[in-house]
């Protein structure tokens, strides 16, 4: 999953004299970080599997 659009939409913005997340922005950032971390973890595990199982994991990731 590409999290870049969500990161851009909920990035910190000027709020007076400091930068702040829009409502829910900090939560979206944490979710994006978790998604990317879990995807990297699955890819690491997936690389040690036979091709047929790699394809099945890939199908399941796309389904999610």
Protein backbone atom coordinates (compact mmCIF):
# COMPACT_ATOMS: atom_id res chain seq x y z
CA UNK A 1 0.00 0.00 0.00
CA UNK A 2 1.30 3.41 -0.94
CA UNK A 3 1.04 5.67 2.10
CA UNK A 4 2.53 8.76 0.44
CA UNK A 5 -0.83 10.45 -0.37
CA UNK A 6 -1.97 10.03 3.25
CA UNK A 7 1.32 11.32 4.60
CA UNK A 8 1.06 14.40 2.38
CA UNK A 9 -2.57 15.05 3.23
CA UNK A 10 -1.98 14.82 6.99
CA UNK A 11 1.52 16.34 7.15
CA UNK A 12 2.37 19.01 9.70
CA UNK A 13 1.22 22.46 8.67
CA UNK A 14 1.93 25.93 9.99
CA UNK A 15 -0.30 26.67 12.95
CA UNK A 16 0.53 30.09 14.23
CA UNK A 17 4.15 30.13 15.35
CA UNK A 18 4.72 26.37 15.15
CA UNK A 19 4.00 23.34 12.99
CA UNK A 20 1.15 21.01 13.94
CA UNK A 21 -0.69 18.03 12.51
CA UNK A 22 -4.24 18.58 11.31
CA UNK A 23 -6.91 16.72 13.31
CA UNK A 24 -6.07 13.02 13.23
CA UNK A 25 -2.75 13.64 11.48
CA UNK A 26 -0.57 12.13 14.21
CA UNK A 27 -2.70 8.97 14.18
CA UNK A 28 -2.50 8.71 10.39
CA UNK A 29 1.29 9.07 10.57
CA UNK A 30 1.51 6.24 13.12
CA UNK A 31 -0.74 4.03 10.97
CA UNK A 32 1.36 4.73 7.87
CA UNK A 33 4.54 3.87 9.80
CA UNK A 34 2.94 0.61 11.01
CA UNK A 35 1.77 -0.32 7.50
CA UNK A 36 5.24 0.23 6.04
CA UNK A 37 6.93 -1.68 8.87
CA UNK A 38 4.57 -4.65 8.56
CA UNK A 39 4.96 -4.70 4.78
CA UNK A 40 8.76 -4.78 5.11
CA UNK A 41 8.50 -7.58 7.66
CA UNK A 42 6.24 -9.66 5.38
CA UNK A 43 8.55 -9.04 2.41
CA UNK A 44 11.55 -10.26 4.47
CA UNK A 45 9.74 -13.44 5.44
CA UNK A 46 8.34 -13.87 1.94
CA UNK A 47 11.81 -13.79 0.35
CA UNK A 48 12.72 -17.08 2.05
CA UNK A 49 9.73 -18.96 0.65
CA UNK A 50 9.40 -20.97 -2.57
CA UNK A 51 8.00 -19.05 -5.55
CA UNK A 52 4.50 -20.55 -5.29
CA UNK A 53 4.18 -19.48 -1.65
CA UNK A 54 5.65 -16.05 -2.45
CA UNK A 55 2.92 -15.58 -5.06
CA UNK A 56 0.24 -16.60 -2.55
CA UNK A 57 1.56 -14.12 0.03
CA UNK A 58 1.59 -11.43 -2.66
CA UNK A 59 -2.03 -12.18 -3.58
CA UNK A 60 -3.04 -11.94 0.06
CA UNK A 61 -1.23 -8.61 0.48
CA UNK A 62 -3.02 -7.17 -2.55
CA UNK A 63 -6.33 -8.43 -1.17
CA UNK A 64 -5.71 -6.66 2.13
